[in-house]
Amino acid sequence: MTTLCKRYVEIRPLITKYGVSLSNYLHLRPKHEFFVDMTCEGCSGAVTRVLNKLGGVQFEIDLPNKKVFIESDKDTDVLLETLKKTGKAANYIGPK
């Protein structure tokens, strides 16, 4: 299922119930995968803090696999430099 289809399935109840415009909720942003050398909850907390401070991103942290998935329109270099502010080694893996 494509990202567009997944988004539509998620917001369809809102459209049906409230008659909201589909264009207000469909913001297709690329999703990127990063490796961040996280070893504990403190590390993932640092990632959460820097990404929340950056703003304009949605993200998921996969601590066991040391991966961060970021959905954002921001340049990947900006995202990578933000992740490096945690003091942990970080690399861009590619689009998700």
N, C-alpha and C. Protein backbone atom coordinates (compact mmCIF):
# COMPACT_ATOMS: atom_id res chain seq x y z
N MET A 1 0.85 -1.17 0.00
CA MET A 1 0.00 0.00 0.00
C MET A 1 0.90 1.24 0.00
N THR A 2 0.62 2.18 -0.87
CA THR A 2 1.44 3.38 -0.95
C THR A 2 1.20 4.29 0.24
N THR A 3 2.12 5.23 0.44
CA THR A 3 1.98 6.19 1.53
C THR A 3 0.67 6.96 1.39
N LEU A 4 0.34 7.36 0.17
CA LEU A 4 -0.90 8.10 -0.06
C LEU A 4 -2.10 7.28 0.37
N CYS A 5 -2.13 6.01 0.02
CA CYS A 5 -3.25 5.15 0.39
C CYS A 5 -3.34 4.99 1.91
N LYS A 6 -2.19 4.81 2.56
CA LYS A 6 -2.18 4.66 4.02
C LYS A 6 -2.73 5.91 4.68
N ARG A 7 -2.31 7.07 4.20
CA ARG A 7 -2.79 8.32 4.78
C ARG A 7 -4.30 8.46 4.61
N TYR A 8 -4.79 8.11 3.42
CA TYR A 8 -6.22 8.22 3.18
C TYR A 8 -7.00 7.32 4.12
N VAL A 9 -6.53 6.10 4.32
CA VAL A 9 -7.20 5.17 5.22
C VAL A 9 -7.22 5.73 6.64
N GLU A 10 -6.13 6.38 7.04
CA GLU A 10 -6.05 6.95 8.38
C GLU A 10 -7.03 8.11 8.58
N ILE A 11 -7.19 8.95 7.57
CA ILE A 11 -8.01 10.15 7.76
C ILE A 11 -9.42 10.03 7.21
N ARG A 12 -9.72 8.93 6.57
CA ARG A 12 -11.05 8.77 5.99
C ARG A 12 -12.17 8.97 7.01
N PRO A 13 -12.05 8.42 8.23
CA PRO A 13 -13.12 8.65 9.21
C PRO A 13 -13.34 10.14 9.51
N LEU A 14 -12.29 10.93 9.51
CA LEU A 14 -12.43 12.37 9.74
C LEU A 14 -13.17 13.04 8.60
N ILE A 15 -12.83 12.62 7.38
CA ILE A 15 -13.48 13.20 6.21
C ILE A 15 -14.97 12.88 6.24
N THR A 16 -15.28 11.64 6.54
CA THR A 16 -16.68 11.22 6.59
C THR A 16 -17.44 11.92 7.71
N LYS A 17 -16.83 12.00 8.88
CA LYS A 17 -17.52 12.56 10.04
C LYS A 17 -17.62 14.08 9.99
N TYR A 18 -16.53 14.74 9.64
CA TYR A 18 -16.49 16.20 9.73
C TYR A 18 -16.50 16.90 8.38
N GLY A 19 -16.36 16.16 7.31
CA GLY A 19 -16.35 16.77 5.99
C GLY A 19 -15.11 17.62 5.74
N VAL A 20 -14.02 17.28 6.39
CA VAL A 20 -12.81 18.06 6.22
C VAL A 20 -12.22 17.85 4.84
N SER A 21 -11.54 18.86 4.37
CA SER A 21 -10.91 18.79 3.06
C SER A 21 -9.72 17.84 3.11
N LEU A 22 -9.67 16.96 2.15
CA LEU A 22 -8.57 16.01 2.07
C LEU A 22 -7.23 16.72 1.93
N SER A 23 -7.21 17.82 1.21
CA SER A 23 -5.94 18.53 0.99
C SER A 23 -5.36 19.11 2.27
N ASN A 24 -6.19 19.33 3.28
CA ASN A 24 -5.68 19.85 4.55
C ASN A 24 -4.89 18.81 5.32
N TYR A 25 -5.11 17.55 5.05
CA TYR A 25 -4.49 16.50 5.83
C TYR A 25 -3.47 15.66 5.08
N LEU A 26 -3.45 15.75 3.79
CA LEU A 26 -2.49 14.96 3.01
C LEU A 26 -1.24 15.78 2.73
N HIS A 27 -0.29 15.68 3.59
CA HIS A 27 0.99 16.35 3.40
C HIS A 27 2.01 15.24 3.19
N LEU A 28 2.24 14.93 1.96
CA LEU A 28 3.17 13.84 1.66
C LEU A 28 4.60 14.34 1.79
N ARG A 29 5.26 13.84 2.79
CA ARG A 29 6.65 14.21 3.02
C ARG A 29 7.49 12.96 2.92
N PRO A 30 8.69 13.12 2.39
CA PRO A 30 9.55 11.94 2.29
C PRO A 30 9.93 11.40 3.66
N LYS A 31 10.13 10.09 3.72
CA LYS A 31 10.55 9.44 4.95
C LYS A 31 11.98 8.93 4.75
N HIS A 32 12.84 9.23 5.72
CA HIS A 32 14.25 8.89 5.62
C HIS A 32 14.66 7.99 6.77
N GLU A 33 15.63 7.13 6.49
CA GLU A 33 16.14 6.20 7.48
C GLU A 33 17.58 6.57 7.84
N PHE A 34 17.84 6.66 9.14
CA PHE A 34 19.17 7.00 9.64
C PHE A 34 19.64 5.94 10.63
N PHE A 35 20.94 5.72 10.66
CA PHE A 35 21.56 4.92 11.71
C PHE A 35 22.08 5.91 12.75
N VAL A 36 21.76 5.67 14.02
CA VAL A 36 22.30 6.47 15.12
C VAL A 36 22.79 5.49 16.17
N ASP A 37 24.02 5.64 16.60
CA ASP A 37 24.63 4.69 17.53
C ASP A 37 24.07 4.86 18.94
N MET A 38 22.80 4.50 19.11
CA MET A 38 22.11 4.60 20.41
C MET A 38 22.28 3.29 21.16
N THR A 39 22.57 3.39 22.45
CA THR A 39 22.75 2.19 23.26
C THR A 39 21.77 2.09 24.42
N CYS A 40 21.01 3.17 24.68
CA CYS A 40 20.12 3.15 25.84
C CYS A 40 18.97 4.14 25.65
N GLU A 41 18.07 4.17 26.63
CA GLU A 41 16.93 5.09 26.59
C GLU A 41 17.40 6.55 26.65
N GLY A 42 18.52 6.78 27.32
CA GLY A 42 19.06 8.14 27.36
C GLY A 42 19.45 8.63 25.98
N CYS A 43 20.01 7.73 25.20
CA CYS A 43 20.39 8.06 23.82
C CYS A 43 19.16 8.38 22.97
N SER A 44 18.15 7.54 23.08
CA SER A 44 16.94 7.78 22.29
C SER A 44 16.24 9.05 22.78
N GLY A 45 16.36 9.34 24.07
CA GLY A 45 15.80 10.59 24.60
C GLY A 45 16.50 11.80 24.02
N ALA A 46 17.82 11.70 23.83
CA ALA A 46 18.57 12.79 23.22
C ALA A 46 18.13 13.01 21.78
N VAL A 47 17.90 11.92 21.06
CA VAL A 47 17.40 12.01 19.68
C VAL A 47 16.04 12.70 19.66
N THR A 48 15.17 12.29 20.57
CA THR A 48 13.84 12.90 20.66
C THR A 48 13.96 14.40 20.92
N ARG A 49 14.82 14.80 21.84
CA ARG A 49 14.98 16.22 22.17
C ARG A 49 15.45 17.05 20.98
N VAL A 50 16.49 16.58 20.27
CA VAL A 50 17.01 17.39 19.16
C VAL A 50 16.02 17.46 18.00
N LEU A 51 15.29 16.37 17.75
CA LEU A 51 14.32 16.40 16.65
C LEU A 51 13.10 17.25 17.01
N ASN A 52 12.66 17.20 18.25
CA ASN A 52 11.55 18.06 18.67
C ASN A 52 11.95 19.53 18.60
N LYS A 53 13.19 19.82 18.96
CA LYS A 53 13.68 21.20 18.90
C LYS A 53 13.76 21.68 17.45
N LEU A 54 14.14 20.79 16.54
CA LEU A 54 14.22 21.14 15.12
C LEU A 54 12.83 21.50 14.59
N GLY A 55 11.84 20.71 14.95
CA GLY A 55 10.46 20.96 14.51
C GLY A 55 10.24 20.57 13.05
N GLY A 56 8.98 20.46 12.69
CA GLY A 56 8.62 20.14 11.31
C GLY A 56 8.96 18.73 10.90
N VAL A 57 9.07 17.83 11.88
CA VAL A 57 9.40 16.44 11.59
C VAL A 57 8.49 15.51 12.37
N GLN A 58 8.26 14.36 11.80
CA GLN A 58 7.64 13.25 12.52
C GLN A 58 8.67 12.14 12.49
N PHE A 59 8.80 11.42 13.60
CA PHE A 59 9.87 10.42 13.63
C PHE A 59 9.49 9.23 14.48
N GLU A 60 10.18 8.14 14.20
CA GLU A 60 10.08 6.90 14.98
C GLU A 60 11.50 6.47 15.32
N ILE A 61 11.68 6.00 16.54
CA ILE A 61 12.99 5.52 16.97
C ILE A 61 12.92 4.02 17.18
N ASP A 62 13.83 3.30 16.55
CA ASP A 62 13.96 1.85 16.71
C ASP A 62 15.27 1.61 17.46
N LEU A 63 15.20 1.67 18.79
CA LEU A 63 16.40 1.57 19.61
C LEU A 63 17.16 0.25 19.44
N PRO A 64 16.48 -0.91 19.44
CA PRO A 64 17.24 -2.17 19.29
C PRO A 64 18.06 -2.25 18.00
N ASN A 65 17.54 -1.66 16.93
CA ASN A 65 18.25 -1.69 15.64
C ASN A 65 19.04 -0.42 15.36
N LYS A 66 19.02 0.51 16.33
CA LYS A 66 19.77 1.77 16.23
C LYS A 66 19.38 2.57 14.99
N LYS A 67 18.09 2.63 14.71
CA LYS A 67 17.61 3.35 13.54
C LYS A 67 16.60 4.42 13.94
N VAL A 68 16.59 5.49 13.16
CA VAL A 68 15.63 6.57 13.33
C VAL A 68 15.00 6.81 11.96
N PHE A 69 13.68 6.81 11.92
CA PHE A 69 12.94 7.07 10.69
C PHE A 69 12.31 8.45 10.83
N ILE A 70 12.64 9.34 9.90
CA ILE A 70 12.18 10.72 9.98
C ILE A 70 11.39 11.07 8.73
N GLU A 71 10.21 11.61 8.95
CA GLU A 71 9.36 12.10 7.86
C GLU A 71 9.43 13.61 7.90
N SER A 72 9.99 14.21 6.84
CA SER A 72 10.19 15.65 6.83
C SER A 72 10.51 16.15 5.43
N ASP A 73 10.21 17.43 5.20
CA ASP A 73 10.60 18.10 3.96
C ASP A 73 12.01 18.67 4.06
N LYS A 74 12.59 18.63 5.23
CA LYS A 74 13.91 19.21 5.44
C LYS A 74 14.97 18.40 4.70
N ASP A 75 16.05 19.07 4.33
CA ASP A 75 17.16 18.43 3.63
C ASP A 75 17.78 17.35 4.52
N THR A 76 18.20 16.27 3.91
CA THR A 76 18.78 15.17 4.70
C THR A 76 20.05 15.59 5.42
N ASP A 77 20.80 16.54 4.87
CA ASP A 77 22.00 17.03 5.56
C ASP A 77 21.62 17.74 6.86
N VAL A 78 20.53 18.49 6.83
CA VAL A 78 20.05 19.17 8.04
C VAL A 78 19.62 18.14 9.08
N LEU A 79 18.90 17.13 8.64
CA LEU A 79 18.46 16.08 9.56
C LEU A 79 19.65 15.34 10.16
N LEU A 80 20.64 15.03 9.33
CA LEU A 80 21.82 14.31 9.81
C LEU A 80 22.61 15.15 10.81
N GLU A 81 22.81 16.42 10.50
CA GLU A 81 23.53 17.30 11.43
C GLU A 81 22.78 17.45 12.74
N THR A 82 21.47 17.46 12.68
CA THR A 82 20.65 17.54 13.89
C THR A 82 20.86 16.29 14.73
N LEU A 83 20.84 15.13 14.11
CA LEU A 83 21.06 13.88 14.84
C LEU A 83 22.46 13.83 15.46
N LYS A 84 23.45 14.39 14.77
CA LYS A 84 24.82 14.38 15.29
C LYS A 84 24.97 15.27 16.52
N LYS A 85 24.03 16.19 16.73
CA LYS A 85 24.07 17.04 17.92
C LYS A 85 23.89 16.23 19.20
N THR A 86 23.45 15.00 19.08
CA THR A 86 23.31 14.13 20.25
C THR A 86 24.68 13.66 20.74
N GLY A 87 25.71 13.82 19.93
CA GLY A 87 27.03 13.33 20.28
C GLY A 87 27.25 11.88 19.87
N LYS A 88 26.26 11.29 19.24
CA LYS A 88 26.35 9.90 18.78
C LYS A 88 26.70 9.88 17.30
N ALA A 89 27.39 8.83 16.88
CA ALA A 89 27.67 8.65 15.46
C ALA A 89 26.34 8.45 14.73
N ALA A 90 26.21 9.11 13.58
CA ALA A 90 24.97 9.01 12.81
C ALA A 90 25.30 8.98 11.33
N ASN A 91 24.54 8.19 10.58
CA ASN A 91 24.70 8.08 9.13
C ASN A 91 23.33 8.03 8.48
N TYR A 92 23.27 8.61 7.28
CA TYR A 92 22.05 8.53 6.49
C TYR A 92 22.06 7.22 5.73
N ILE A 93 21.01 6.42 5.89
CA ILE A 93 20.92 5.14 5.19
C ILE A 93 20.26 5.33 3.83
N GLY A 94 19.15 6.07 3.80
CA GLY A 94 18.47 6.31 2.54
C GLY A 94 16.99 6.53 2.75
N PRO A 95 16.28 6.74 1.64
CA PRO A 95 14.83 6.92 1.75
C PRO A 95 14.17 5.64 2.21
N LYS A 96 13.10 5.77 2.93
CA LYS A 96 12.37 4.61 3.45
C LYS A 96 11.15 4.38 2.61
